[in-house]
Amino acid sequence: GHMPKAHKGAINKVLHLENSHVIATGDDDGVVKVWDLRLATSGKACVMELKDHEGTVTDMAYRESEKMLLTSAGDGTLGVFDMRTSKLYAMSDSFGED
């Protein structure tokens, strides 16, 4: 299936997080969303939305043991998100380049 209007900006990165049903997507506007695909038919698949970057999400990595999502963005920042609290854990200063 598909989810129309999943993001306002173009999706630039997709990362599988846990099991076979949780993924994260990052878009050109710096928005990261976490999806539980088991809820796709209910229209409530987006379980988390993070808007802490100001540039294109360029990459993501996940550390399952810590439940932390690491993101990088075109604004030159790295973000760390705590998946247990759905909040920003840490954000680097801008490195000044992509």
C-alpha atoms as a PDB file:
ATOM      1  CA  GLY A   1       0.000   0.000   0.000  1.00  0.00           C
ATOM      2  CA  HIS A   2       0.927   3.644   0.021  1.00  0.00           C
ATOM      3  CA  MET A   3       0.269   6.659   2.194  1.00  0.00           C
ATOM      4  CA  PRO A   4      -0.580   9.759   0.183  1.00  0.00           C
ATOM      5  CA  LYS A   5       0.631  13.019   1.737  1.00  0.00           C
ATOM      6  CA  ALA A   6       2.903  11.187   4.202  1.00  0.00           C
ATOM      7  CA  HIS A   7       5.226  14.220   4.130  1.00  0.00           C
ATOM      8  CA  LYS A   8       4.813  17.743   2.769  1.00  0.00           C
ATOM      9  CA  GLY A   9       8.392  17.703   1.447  1.00  0.00           C
ATOM     10  CA  ALA A  10       9.951  15.024  -0.719  1.00  0.00           C
ATOM     11  CA  ILE A  11      11.079  11.965   1.247  1.00  0.00           C
ATOM     12  CA  ASN A  12      14.850  11.744   1.041  1.00  0.00           C
ATOM     13  CA  LYS A  13      15.693   8.888   3.422  1.00  0.00           C
ATOM     14  CA  VAL A  14      13.969   5.734   4.709  1.00  0.00           C
ATOM     15  CA  LEU A  15      15.319   3.560   7.522  1.00  0.00           C
ATOM     16  CA  HIS A  16      13.998   0.301   8.943  1.00  0.00           C
ATOM     17  CA  LEU A  17      14.059   0.536  12.758  1.00  0.00           C
ATOM     18  CA  GLU A  18      12.651  -2.481  14.563  1.00  0.00           C
ATOM     19  CA  ASN A  19      10.995  -5.752  13.625  1.00  0.00           C
ATOM     20  CA  SER A  20       9.345  -5.657  10.241  1.00  0.00           C
ATOM     21  CA  HIS A  21       6.826  -2.932  10.891  1.00  0.00           C
ATOM     22  CA  VAL A  22       8.587   0.237  12.154  1.00  0.00           C
ATOM     23  CA  ILE A  23      10.334   2.625   9.763  1.00  0.00           C
ATOM     24  CA  ALA A  24      11.582   6.208   9.875  1.00  0.00           C
ATOM     25  CA  THR A  25      11.400   8.646   6.984  1.00  0.00           C
ATOM     26  CA  GLY A  26      13.196  11.962   6.551  1.00  0.00           C
ATOM     27  CA  ASP A  27      12.246  14.668   4.102  1.00  0.00           C
ATOM     28  CA  ASP A  28      13.677  17.691   2.308  1.00  0.00           C
ATOM     29  CA  ASP A  29      12.175  20.025   4.940  1.00  0.00           C
ATOM     30  CA  GLY A  30      14.078  18.436   7.835  1.00  0.00           C
ATOM     31  CA  VAL A  31      11.079  16.511   9.165  1.00  0.00           C
ATOM     32  CA  VAL A  32      11.578  12.977  10.509  1.00  0.00           C
ATOM     33  CA  LYS A  33       8.554  10.728  10.958  1.00  0.00           C
ATOM     34  CA  VAL A  34       8.346   7.283  12.527  1.00  0.00           C
ATOM     35  CA  TRP A  35       5.734   4.880  11.206  1.00  0.00           C
ATOM     36  CA  ASP A  36       4.147   1.707  12.566  1.00  0.00           C
ATOM     37  CA  LEU A  37       3.072  -0.018   9.377  1.00  0.00           C
ATOM     38  CA  ARG A  38       0.633  -2.256  11.265  1.00  0.00           C
ATOM     39  CA  LEU A  39      -1.517   0.880  11.664  1.00  0.00           C
ATOM     40  CA  ALA A  40      -1.393   1.893   8.001  1.00  0.00           C
ATOM     41  CA  THR A  41      -5.006   0.988   7.262  1.00  0.00           C
ATOM     42  CA  SER A  42      -6.261   3.004  10.248  1.00  0.00           C
ATOM     43  CA  GLY A  43      -4.700   6.252   9.014  1.00  0.00           C
ATOM     44  CA  LYS A  44      -2.725   6.541  12.281  1.00  0.00           C
ATOM     45  CA  ALA A  45       0.530   4.950  11.150  1.00  0.00           C
ATOM     46  CA  CYS A  46       2.619   8.048  11.954  1.00  0.00           C
ATOM     47  CA  VAL A  47       3.507   7.503  15.609  1.00  0.00           C
ATOM     48  CA  MET A  48       6.141  10.231  15.911  1.00  0.00           C
ATOM     49  CA  GLU A  49       6.989  13.489  14.101  1.00  0.00           C
ATOM     50  CA  LEU A  50      10.240  15.344  14.787  1.00  0.00           C
ATOM     51  CA  LYS A  51      10.819  18.843  13.379  1.00  0.00           C
ATOM     52  CA  ASP A  52      14.185  19.804  14.848  1.00  0.00           C
ATOM     53  CA  HIS A  53      16.279  20.047  11.652  1.00  0.00           C
ATOM     54  CA  GLU A  54      16.184  22.975   9.261  1.00  0.00           C
ATOM     55  CA  GLY A  55      17.654  21.261   6.217  1.00  0.00           C
ATOM     56  CA  THR A  56      17.172  18.106   4.179  1.00  0.00           C
ATOM     57  CA  VAL A  57      17.506  14.917   6.217  1.00  0.00           C
ATOM     58  CA  THR A  58      20.570  13.367   4.591  1.00  0.00           C
ATOM     59  CA  ASP A  59      21.032  10.176   6.612  1.00  0.00           C
ATOM     60  CA  MET A  60      19.743   8.223   9.601  1.00  0.00           C
ATOM     61  CA  ALA A  61      21.029   5.403  11.793  1.00  0.00           C
ATOM     62  CA  TYR A  62      19.340   3.534  14.632  1.00  0.00           C
ATOM     63  CA  ARG A  63      20.802   1.989  17.770  1.00  0.00           C
ATOM     64  CA  GLU A  64      18.209  -0.489  18.963  1.00  0.00           C
ATOM     65  CA  SER A  65      19.851  -1.265  22.323  1.00  0.00           C
ATOM     66  CA  GLU A  66      19.611   2.415  23.318  1.00  0.00           C
ATOM     67  CA  LYS A  67      16.429   3.200  21.346  1.00  0.00           C
ATOM     68  CA  MET A  68      18.197   6.199  19.816  1.00  0.00           C
ATOM     69  CA  LEU A  69      17.806   7.541  16.282  1.00  0.00           C
ATOM     70  CA  LEU A  70      20.741   9.532  14.863  1.00  0.00           C
ATOM     71  CA  THR A  71      20.018  11.931  12.033  1.00  0.00           C
ATOM     72  CA  SER A  72      22.104  14.226   9.863  1.00  0.00           C
ATOM     73  CA  ALA A  73      20.784  17.137   7.857  1.00  0.00           C
ATOM     74  CA  GLY A  74      21.777  19.630   5.194  1.00  0.00           C
ATOM     75  CA  ASP A  75      21.831  22.399   7.800  1.00  0.00           C
ATOM     76  CA  GLY A  76      25.100  20.838   9.011  1.00  0.00           C
ATOM     77  CA  THR A  77      23.661  19.385  12.227  1.00  0.00           C
ATOM     78  CA  LEU A  78      23.474  15.943  13.785  1.00  0.00           C
ATOM     79  CA  GLY A  79      20.452  15.089  15.893  1.00  0.00           C
ATOM     80  CA  VAL A  80      19.895  12.315  18.417  1.00  0.00           C
ATOM     81  CA  PHE A  81      16.305  11.394  19.244  1.00  0.00           C
ATOM     82  CA  ASP A  82      15.182   9.222  22.147  1.00  0.00           C
ATOM     83  CA  MET A  83      12.574   6.885  20.709  1.00  0.00           C
ATOM     84  CA  ARG A  84      11.225   6.061  24.189  1.00  0.00           C
ATOM     85  CA  THR A  85      10.245   9.670  24.899  1.00  0.00           C
ATOM     86  CA  SER A  86       9.722  10.808  21.270  1.00  0.00           C
ATOM     87  CA  LYS A  87      11.920  13.840  21.959  1.00  0.00           C
ATOM     88  CA  LEU A  88      15.183  15.389  20.897  1.00  0.00           C
ATOM     89  CA  TYR A  89      17.991  14.079  23.111  1.00  0.00           C
ATOM     90  CA  ALA A  90      20.844  16.157  21.659  1.00  0.00           C
ATOM     91  CA  MET A  91      21.584  18.424  18.691  1.00  0.00           C
ATOM     92  CA  SER A  92      25.051  19.374  17.520  1.00  0.00           C
ATOM     93  CA  ASP A  93      26.104  22.838  16.540  1.00  0.00           C
ATOM     94  CA  SER A  94      26.113  23.291  12.791  1.00  0.00           C
ATOM     95  CA  PHE A  95      29.266  22.021  11.127  1.00  0.00           C
ATOM     96  CA  GLY A  96      28.720  24.676   8.457  1.00  0.00           C
ATOM     97  CA  GLU A  97      28.423  22.269   5.546  1.00  0.00           C
ATOM     98  CA  ASP A  98      26.292  19.357   4.398  1.00  0.00           C
END
